Amino acid sequence: MLKPKALGLVIGILWAIWWGWAGLWGSWAKAWCLISSCRIYFGWFGLSWAGLVIGWSWASSTAFICGVIFAWLYNKFAA
């Protein structure tokens, strides 16, 4: 049995770390973030500290919601 809140937090934190890392380091990651930020996380201003905070907020909240939904569905089907 998965705990939805715990799984949501773990996935949210890991996804936010990935976006933070990708936004600050690596030339390939910068291009990918600039392209995907316009389509995935609206309001992300790009490669700046303000953009990092906005991107981190979007990434952690959406990944948390996805993790909770995944755990809830898993528990429903596994029961």
PDB file of N, CA and C in Angstrom:
ATOM      1  N   MET A   1       0.833  -1.170   0.000  1.00  0.00           N
ATOM      2  CA  MET A   1       0.000   0.000   0.000  1.00  0.00           C
ATOM      3  C   MET A   1       0.889   1.248   0.000  1.00  0.00           C
ATOM      4  N   LEU A   2       0.698   2.094  -0.968  1.00  0.00           N
ATOM      5  CA  LEU A   2       1.467   3.325  -1.070  1.00  0.00           C
ATOM      6  C   LEU A   2       0.778   4.450  -0.301  1.00  0.00           C
ATOM      7  N   LYS A   3       1.568   5.306   0.295  1.00  0.00           N
ATOM      8  CA  LYS A   3       1.035   6.481   0.975  1.00  0.00           C
ATOM      9  C   LYS A   3       1.048   7.639  -0.015  1.00  0.00           C
ATOM     10  N   PRO A   4      -0.115   8.127  -0.447  1.00  0.00           N
ATOM     11  CA  PRO A   4      -0.169   9.155  -1.483  1.00  0.00           C
ATOM     12  C   PRO A   4       0.594  10.427  -1.139  1.00  0.00           C
ATOM     13  N   LYS A   5       0.478  10.903   0.090  1.00  0.00           N
ATOM     14  CA  LYS A   5       1.155  12.139   0.461  1.00  0.00           C
ATOM     15  C   LYS A   5       2.676  11.972   0.428  1.00  0.00           C
ATOM     16  N   ALA A   6       3.167  10.856   0.932  1.00  0.00           N
ATOM     17  CA  ALA A   6       4.609  10.608   0.954  1.00  0.00           C
ATOM     18  C   ALA A   6       5.158  10.472  -0.457  1.00  0.00           C
ATOM     19  N   LEU A   7       4.470   9.717  -1.295  1.00  0.00           N
ATOM     20  CA  LEU A   7       4.939   9.549  -2.668  1.00  0.00           C
ATOM     21  C   LEU A   7       4.889  10.874  -3.416  1.00  0.00           C
ATOM     22  N   GLY A   8       3.838  11.652  -3.203  1.00  0.00           N
ATOM     23  CA  GLY A   8       3.740  12.957  -3.841  1.00  0.00           C
ATOM     24  C   GLY A   8       4.880  13.871  -3.438  1.00  0.00           C
ATOM     25  N   LEU A   9       5.234  13.873  -2.159  1.00  0.00           N
ATOM     26  CA  LEU A   9       6.340  14.708  -1.692  1.00  0.00           C
ATOM     27  C   LEU A   9       7.678  14.286  -2.295  1.00  0.00           C
ATOM     28  N   VAL A  10       7.925  12.988  -2.326  1.00  0.00           N
ATOM     29  CA  VAL A  10       9.186  12.494  -2.881  1.00  0.00           C
ATOM     30  C   VAL A  10       9.296  12.841  -4.361  1.00  0.00           C
ATOM     31  N   ILE A  11       8.261  12.572  -5.116  1.00  0.00           N
ATOM     32  CA  ILE A  11       8.291  12.865  -6.545  1.00  0.00           C
ATOM     33  C   ILE A  11       8.373  14.370  -6.773  1.00  0.00           C
ATOM     34  N   GLY A  12       7.657  15.157  -5.991  1.00  0.00           N
ATOM     35  CA  GLY A  12       7.702  16.605  -6.124  1.00  0.00           C
ATOM     36  C   GLY A  12       9.083  17.171  -5.857  1.00  0.00           C
ATOM     37  N   ILE A  13       9.734  16.688  -4.824  1.00  0.00           N
ATOM     38  CA  ILE A  13      11.073  17.166  -4.484  1.00  0.00           C
ATOM     39  C   ILE A  13      12.079  16.760  -5.550  1.00  0.00           C
ATOM     40  N   LEU A  14      12.041  15.518  -5.981  1.00  0.00           N
ATOM     41  CA  LEU A  14      12.988  15.064  -6.999  1.00  0.00           C
ATOM     42  C   LEU A  14      12.803  15.787  -8.330  1.00  0.00           C
ATOM     43  N   TRP A  15      11.571  16.012  -8.739  1.00  0.00           N
ATOM     44  CA  TRP A  15      11.300  16.706  -9.999  1.00  0.00           C
ATOM     45  C   TRP A  15      11.746  18.167  -9.913  1.00  0.00           C
ATOM     46  N   ALA A  16      11.534  18.797  -8.764  1.00  0.00           N
ATOM     47  CA  ALA A  16      11.973  20.181  -8.580  1.00  0.00           C
ATOM     48  C   ALA A  16      13.495  20.275  -8.598  1.00  0.00           C
ATOM     49  N   ILE A  17      14.166  19.313  -7.996  1.00  0.00           N
ATOM     50  CA  ILE A  17      15.638  19.299  -8.037  1.00  0.00           C
ATOM     51  C   ILE A  17      16.120  19.153  -9.473  1.00  0.00           C
ATOM     52  N   TRP A  18      15.488  18.279 -10.238  1.00  0.00           N
ATOM     53  CA  TRP A  18      15.867  18.105 -11.636  1.00  0.00           C
ATOM     54  C   TRP A  18      15.720  19.414 -12.408  1.00  0.00           C
ATOM     55  N   TRP A  19      14.583  20.095 -12.263  1.00  0.00           N
ATOM     56  CA  TRP A  19      14.369  21.349 -12.990  1.00  0.00           C
ATOM     57  C   TRP A  19      15.338  22.422 -12.527  1.00  0.00           C
ATOM     58  N   GLY A  20      15.633  22.467 -11.249  1.00  0.00           N
ATOM     59  CA  GLY A  20      16.612  23.429 -10.757  1.00  0.00           C
ATOM     60  C   GLY A  20      17.991  23.172 -11.326  1.00  0.00           C
ATOM     61  N   TRP A  21      18.399  21.922 -11.324  1.00  0.00           N
ATOM     62  CA  TRP A  21      19.694  21.568 -11.886  1.00  0.00           C
ATOM     63  C   TRP A  21      19.736  21.861 -13.376  1.00  0.00           C
ATOM     64  N   ALA A  22      18.717  21.457 -14.082  1.00  0.00           N
ATOM     65  CA  ALA A  22      18.678  21.649 -15.530  1.00  0.00           C
ATOM     66  C   ALA A  22      18.637  23.122 -15.891  1.00  0.00           C
ATOM     67  N   GLY A  23      18.042  23.939 -15.050  1.00  0.00           N
ATOM     68  CA  GLY A  23      17.950  25.362 -15.336  1.00  0.00           C
ATOM     69  C   GLY A  23      19.236  26.125 -15.085  1.00  0.00           C
ATOM     70  N   LEU A  24      20.099  25.603 -14.243  1.00  0.00           N
ATOM     71  CA  LEU A  24      21.307  26.341 -13.880  1.00  0.00           C
ATOM     72  C   LEU A  24      22.593  25.804 -14.494  1.00  0.00           C
ATOM     73  N   TRP A  25      22.636  24.527 -14.867  1.00  0.00           N
ATOM     74  CA  TRP A  25      23.869  23.945 -15.368  1.00  0.00           C
ATOM     75  C   TRP A  25      23.638  23.187 -16.661  1.00  0.00           C
ATOM     76  N   GLY A  26      24.657  23.172 -17.454  1.00  0.00           N
ATOM     77  CA  GLY A  26      24.635  22.374 -18.677  1.00  0.00           C
ATOM     78  C   GLY A  26      24.044  23.112 -19.860  1.00  0.00           C
ATOM     79  N   SER A  27      24.812  23.222 -20.927  1.00  0.00           N
ATOM     80  CA  SER A  27      24.330  23.937 -22.111  1.00  0.00           C
ATOM     81  C   SER A  27      23.147  23.230 -22.758  1.00  0.00           C
ATOM     82  N   TRP A  28      23.149  21.897 -22.792  1.00  0.00           N
ATOM     83  CA  TRP A  28      22.010  21.173 -23.372  1.00  0.00           C
ATOM     84  C   TRP A  28      20.763  21.369 -22.531  1.00  0.00           C
ATOM     85  N   ALA A  29      20.939  21.445 -21.222  1.00  0.00           N
ATOM     86  CA  ALA A  29      19.795  21.604 -20.326  1.00  0.00           C
ATOM     87  C   ALA A  29      19.188  22.996 -20.462  1.00  0.00           C
ATOM     88  N   LYS A  30      20.022  24.008 -20.669  1.00  0.00           N
ATOM     89  CA  LYS A  30      19.503  25.364 -20.814  1.00  0.00           C
ATOM     90  C   LYS A  30      18.602  25.486 -22.033  1.00  0.00           C
ATOM     91  N   ALA A  31      19.041  24.912 -23.136  1.00  0.00           N
ATOM     92  CA  ALA A  31      18.208  24.960 -24.341  1.00  0.00           C
ATOM     93  C   ALA A  31      16.911  24.188 -24.128  1.00  0.00           C
ATOM     94  N   TRP A  32      16.993  23.037 -23.496  1.00  0.00           N
ATOM     95  CA  TRP A  32      15.798  22.236 -23.242  1.00  0.00           C
ATOM     96  C   TRP A  32      14.831  22.969 -22.323  1.00  0.00           C
ATOM     97  N   CYS A  33      15.358  23.613 -21.288  1.00  0.00           N
ATOM     98  CA  CYS A  33      14.501  24.346 -20.354  1.00  0.00           C
ATOM     99  C   CYS A  33      13.833  25.534 -21.021  1.00  0.00           C
ATOM    100  N   LEU A  34      14.558  26.245 -21.859  1.00  0.00           N
ATOM    101  CA  LEU A  34      13.963  27.396 -22.525  1.00  0.00           C
ATOM    102  C   LEU A  34      12.840  26.971 -23.461  1.00  0.00           C
ATOM    103  N   ILE A  35      13.025  25.848 -24.126  1.00  0.00           N
ATOM    104  CA  ILE A  35      11.986  25.360 -25.038  1.00  0.00           C
ATOM    105  C   ILE A  35      10.788  24.832 -24.258  1.00  0.00           C
ATOM    106  N   SER A  36      11.030  24.006 -23.263  1.00  0.00           N
ATOM    107  CA  SER A  36       9.930  23.353 -22.556  1.00  0.00           C
ATOM    108  C   SER A  36       9.239  24.267 -21.551  1.00  0.00           C
ATOM    109  N   SER A  37       9.925  25.274 -21.030  1.00  0.00           N
ATOM    110  CA  SER A  37       9.294  26.125 -20.025  1.00  0.00           C
ATOM    111  C   SER A  37       8.124  26.897 -20.608  1.00  0.00           C
ATOM    112  N   CYS A  38       8.191  27.233 -21.864  1.00  0.00           N
ATOM    113  CA  CYS A  38       7.084  27.952 -22.493  1.00  0.00           C
ATOM    114  C   CYS A  38       5.865  27.059 -22.638  1.00  0.00           C
ATOM    115  N   ARG A  39       6.077  25.779 -22.748  1.00  0.00           N
ATOM    116  CA  ARG A  39       4.979  24.849 -22.991  1.00  0.00           C
ATOM    117  C   ARG A  39       4.492  24.149 -21.731  1.00  0.00           C
ATOM    118  N   ILE A  40       5.336  24.024 -20.733  1.00  0.00           N
ATOM    119  CA  ILE A  40       4.970  23.249 -19.549  1.00  0.00           C
ATOM    120  C   ILE A  40       4.653  24.144 -18.359  1.00  0.00           C
ATOM    121  N   TYR A  41       5.568  25.002 -17.988  1.00  0.00           N
ATOM    122  CA  TYR A  41       5.420  25.823 -16.788  1.00  0.00           C
ATOM    123  C   TYR A  41       5.323  27.295 -17.167  1.00  0.00           C
ATOM    124  N   PHE A  42       4.104  27.779 -17.308  1.00  0.00           N
ATOM    125  CA  PHE A  42       3.875  29.168 -17.691  1.00  0.00           C
ATOM    126  C   PHE A  42       4.338  30.106 -16.580  1.00  0.00           C
ATOM    127  N   GLY A  43       4.919  31.219 -16.957  1.00  0.00           N
ATOM    128  CA  GLY A  43       5.391  32.189 -15.986  1.00  0.00           C
ATOM    129  C   GLY A  43       6.846  32.033 -15.630  1.00  0.00           C
ATOM    130  N   TRP A  44       7.464  30.950 -16.093  1.00  0.00           N
ATOM    131  CA  TRP A  44       8.875  30.775 -15.827  1.00  0.00           C
ATOM    132  C   TRP A  44       9.625  31.755 -16.709  1.00  0.00           C
ATOM    133  N   PHE A  45      10.347  32.671 -16.092  1.00  0.00           N
ATOM    134  CA  PHE A  45      10.987  33.762 -16.815  1.00  0.00           C
ATOM    135  C   PHE A  45      12.304  33.384 -17.462  1.00  0.00           C
ATOM    136  N   GLY A  46      12.698  32.159 -17.349  1.00  0.00           N
ATOM    137  CA  GLY A  46      13.948  31.741 -17.974  1.00  0.00           C
ATOM    138  C   GLY A  46      15.020  31.451 -16.950  1.00  0.00           C
ATOM    139  N   LEU A  47      16.252  31.661 -17.360  1.00  0.00           N
ATOM    140  CA  LEU A  47      17.395  31.246 -16.563  1.00  0.00           C
ATOM    141  C   LEU A  47      17.846  32.370 -15.632  1.00  0.00           C
ATOM    142  N   SER A  48      17.117  32.553 -14.548  1.00  0.00           N
ATOM    143  CA  SER A  48      17.449  33.528 -13.521  1.00  0.00           C
ATOM    144  C   SER A  48      17.007  32.949 -12.181  1.00  0.00           C
ATOM    145  N   TRP A  49      17.338  33.645 -11.100  1.00  0.00           N
ATOM    146  CA  TRP A  49      16.925  33.155  -9.792  1.00  0.00           C
ATOM    147  C   TRP A  49      15.410  33.224  -9.636  1.00  0.00           C
ATOM    148  N   ALA A  50      14.804  34.287 -10.164  1.00  0.00           N
ATOM    149  CA  ALA A  50      13.330  34.373 -10.117  1.00  0.00           C
ATOM    150  C   ALA A  50      12.712  33.249 -10.941  1.00  0.00           C
ATOM    151  N   GLY A  51      13.294  32.990 -12.113  1.00  0.00           N
ATOM    152  CA  GLY A  51      12.812  31.893 -12.944  1.00  0.00           C
ATOM    153  C   GLY A  51      12.979  30.549 -12.272  1.00  0.00           C
ATOM    154  N   LEU A  52      14.081  30.401 -11.531  1.00  0.00           N
ATOM    155  CA  LEU A  52      14.314  29.154 -10.806  1.00  0.00           C
ATOM    156  C   LEU A  52      13.244  28.932  -9.749  1.00  0.00           C
ATOM    157  N   VAL A  53      12.899  29.971  -9.010  1.00  0.00           N
ATOM    158  CA  VAL A  53      11.879  29.842  -7.958  1.00  0.00           C
ATOM    159  C   VAL A  53      10.515  29.527  -8.575  1.00  0.00           C
ATOM    160  N   ILE A  54      10.180  30.211  -9.651  1.00  0.00           N
ATOM    161  CA  ILE A  54       8.892  29.953 -10.310  1.00  0.00           C
ATOM    162  C   ILE A  54       8.874  28.547 -10.894  1.00  0.00           C
ATOM    163  N   GLY A  55       9.944  28.155 -11.578  1.00  0.00           N
ATOM    164  CA  GLY A  55      10.024  26.804 -12.131  1.00  0.00           C
ATOM    165  C   GLY A  55       9.991  25.741 -11.062  1.00  0.00           C
ATOM    166  N   TRP A  56      10.685  25.993  -9.943  1.00  0.00           N
ATOM    167  CA  TRP A  56      10.683  25.035  -8.846  1.00  0.00           C
ATOM    168  C   TRP A  56       9.280  24.887  -8.276  1.00  0.00           C
ATOM    169  N   SER A  57       8.577  25.996  -8.123  1.00  0.00           N
ATOM    170  CA  SER A  57       7.216  25.953  -7.583  1.00  0.00           C
ATOM    171  C   SER A  57       6.283  25.164  -8.489  1.00  0.00           C
ATOM    172  N   TRP A  58       6.348  25.460  -9.779  1.00  0.00           N
ATOM    173  CA  TRP A  58       5.514  24.715 -10.742  1.00  0.00           C
ATOM    174  C   TRP A  58       5.870  23.231 -10.726  1.00  0.00           C
ATOM    175  N   ALA A  59       7.157  22.930 -10.813  1.00  0.00           N
ATOM    176  CA  ALA A  59       7.592  21.535 -10.901  1.00  0.00           C
ATOM    177  C   ALA A  59       7.201  20.747  -9.659  1.00  0.00           C
ATOM    178  N   SER A  60       7.444  21.313  -8.481  1.00  0.00           N
ATOM    179  CA  SER A  60       7.139  20.564  -7.262  1.00  0.00           C
ATOM    180  C   SER A  60       5.638  20.373  -7.071  1.00  0.00           C
ATOM    181  N   SER A  61       4.849  21.387  -7.401  1.00  0.00           N
ATOM    182  CA  SER A  61       3.403  21.242  -7.202  1.00  0.00           C
ATOM    183  C   SER A  61       2.773  20.277  -8.202  1.00  0.00           C
ATOM    184  N   THR A  62       3.157  20.349  -9.456  1.00  0.00           N
ATOM    185  CA  THR A  62       2.568  19.428 -10.432  1.00  0.00           C
ATOM    186  C   THR A  62       3.033  17.996 -10.199  1.00  0.00           C
ATOM    187  N   ALA A  63       4.286  17.814  -9.840  1.00  0.00           N
ATOM    188  CA  ALA A  63       4.778  16.459  -9.569  1.00  0.00           C
ATOM    189  C   ALA A  63       4.142  15.896  -8.301  1.00  0.00           C
ATOM    190  N   PHE A  64       3.911  16.739  -7.294  1.00  0.00           N
ATOM    191  CA  PHE A  64       3.225  16.282  -6.084  1.00  0.00           C
ATOM    192  C   PHE A  64       1.826  15.766  -6.426  1.00  0.00           C
ATOM    193  N   ILE A  65       1.099  16.523  -7.224  1.00  0.00           N
ATOM    194  CA  ILE A  65      -0.252  16.119  -7.612  1.00  0.00           C
ATOM    195  C   ILE A  65      -0.217  14.809  -8.396  1.00  0.00           C
ATOM    196  N   CYS A  66       0.722  14.682  -9.320  1.00  0.00           N
ATOM    197  CA  CYS A  66       0.846  13.440 -10.095  1.00  0.00           C
ATOM    198  C   CYS A  66       1.198  12.261  -9.195  1.00  0.00           C
ATOM    199  N   GLY A  67       2.085  12.461  -8.224  1.00  0.00           N
ATOM    200  CA  GLY A  67       2.448  11.395  -7.300  1.00  0.00           C
ATOM    201  C   GLY A  67       1.278  10.943  -6.446  1.00  0.00           C
ATOM    202  N   VAL A  68       0.475  11.886  -5.976  1.00  0.00           N
ATOM    203  CA  VAL A  68      -0.700  11.554  -5.165  1.00  0.00           C
ATOM    204  C   VAL A  68      -1.709  10.772  -6.001  1.00  0.00           C
ATOM    205  N   ILE A  69      -1.949  11.218  -7.210  1.00  0.00           N
ATOM    206  CA  ILE A  69      -2.900  10.518  -8.094  1.00  0.00           C
ATOM    207  C   ILE A  69      -2.393   9.119  -8.423  1.00  0.00           C
ATOM    208  N   PHE A  70      -1.096   8.996  -8.702  1.00  0.00           N
ATOM    209  CA  PHE A  70      -0.528   7.680  -9.003  1.00  0.00           C
ATOM    210  C   PHE A  70      -0.686   6.729  -7.821  1.00  0.00           C
ATOM    211  N   ALA A  71      -0.353   7.188  -6.619  1.00  0.00           N
ATOM    212  CA  ALA A  71      -0.466   6.330  -5.431  1.00  0.00           C
ATOM    213  C   ALA A  71      -1.917   5.951  -5.167  1.00  0.00           C
ATOM    214  N   TRP A  72      -2.825   6.895  -5.334  1.00  0.00           N
ATOM    215  CA  TRP A  72      -4.240   6.615  -5.123  1.00  0.00           C
ATOM    216  C   TRP A  72      -4.735   5.554  -6.112  1.00  0.00           C
ATOM    217  N   LEU A  73      -4.382   5.713  -7.389  1.00  0.00           N
ATOM    218  CA  LEU A  73      -4.777   4.728  -8.391  1.00  0.00           C
ATOM    219  C   LEU A  73      -4.154   3.358  -8.133  1.00  0.00           C
ATOM    220  N   TYR A  74      -2.889   3.364  -7.763  1.00  0.00           N
ATOM    221  CA  TYR A  74      -2.205   2.098  -7.459  1.00  0.00           C
ATOM    222  C   TYR A  74      -2.918   1.380  -6.304  1.00  0.00           C
ATOM    223  N   ASN A  75      -3.248   2.105  -5.273  1.00  0.00           N
ATOM    224  CA  ASN A  75      -3.934   1.492  -4.120  1.00  0.00           C
ATOM    225  C   ASN A  75      -5.311   0.967  -4.503  1.00  0.00           C
ATOM    226  N   LYS A  76      -6.008   1.659  -5.404  1.00  0.00           N
ATOM    227  CA  LYS A  76      -7.332   1.196  -5.849  1.00  0.00           C
ATOM    228  C   LYS A  76      -7.236  -0.094  -6.647  1.00  0.00           C
ATOM    229  N   PHE A  77      -6.239  -0.151  -7.558  1.00  0.00           N
ATOM    230  CA  PHE A  77      -6.101  -1.338  -8.402  1.00  0.00           C
ATOM    231  C   PHE A  77      -5.453  -2.505  -7.695  1.00  0.00           C
ATOM    232  N   ALA A  78      -4.600  -2.226  -6.709  1.00  0.00           N
ATOM    233  CA  ALA A  78      -3.898  -3.299  -6.003  1.00  0.00           C
ATOM    234  C   ALA A  78      -4.779  -3.940  -4.922  1.00  0.00           C
ATOM    235  N   ALA A  79      -5.837  -3.287  -4.541  1.00  0.00           N
ATOM    236  CA  ALA A  79      -6.688  -3.806  -3.463  1.00  0.00           C
ATOM    237  C   ALA A  79      -7.530  -4.973  -3.915  1.00  0.00           C
TER     238      ALA A  79
END
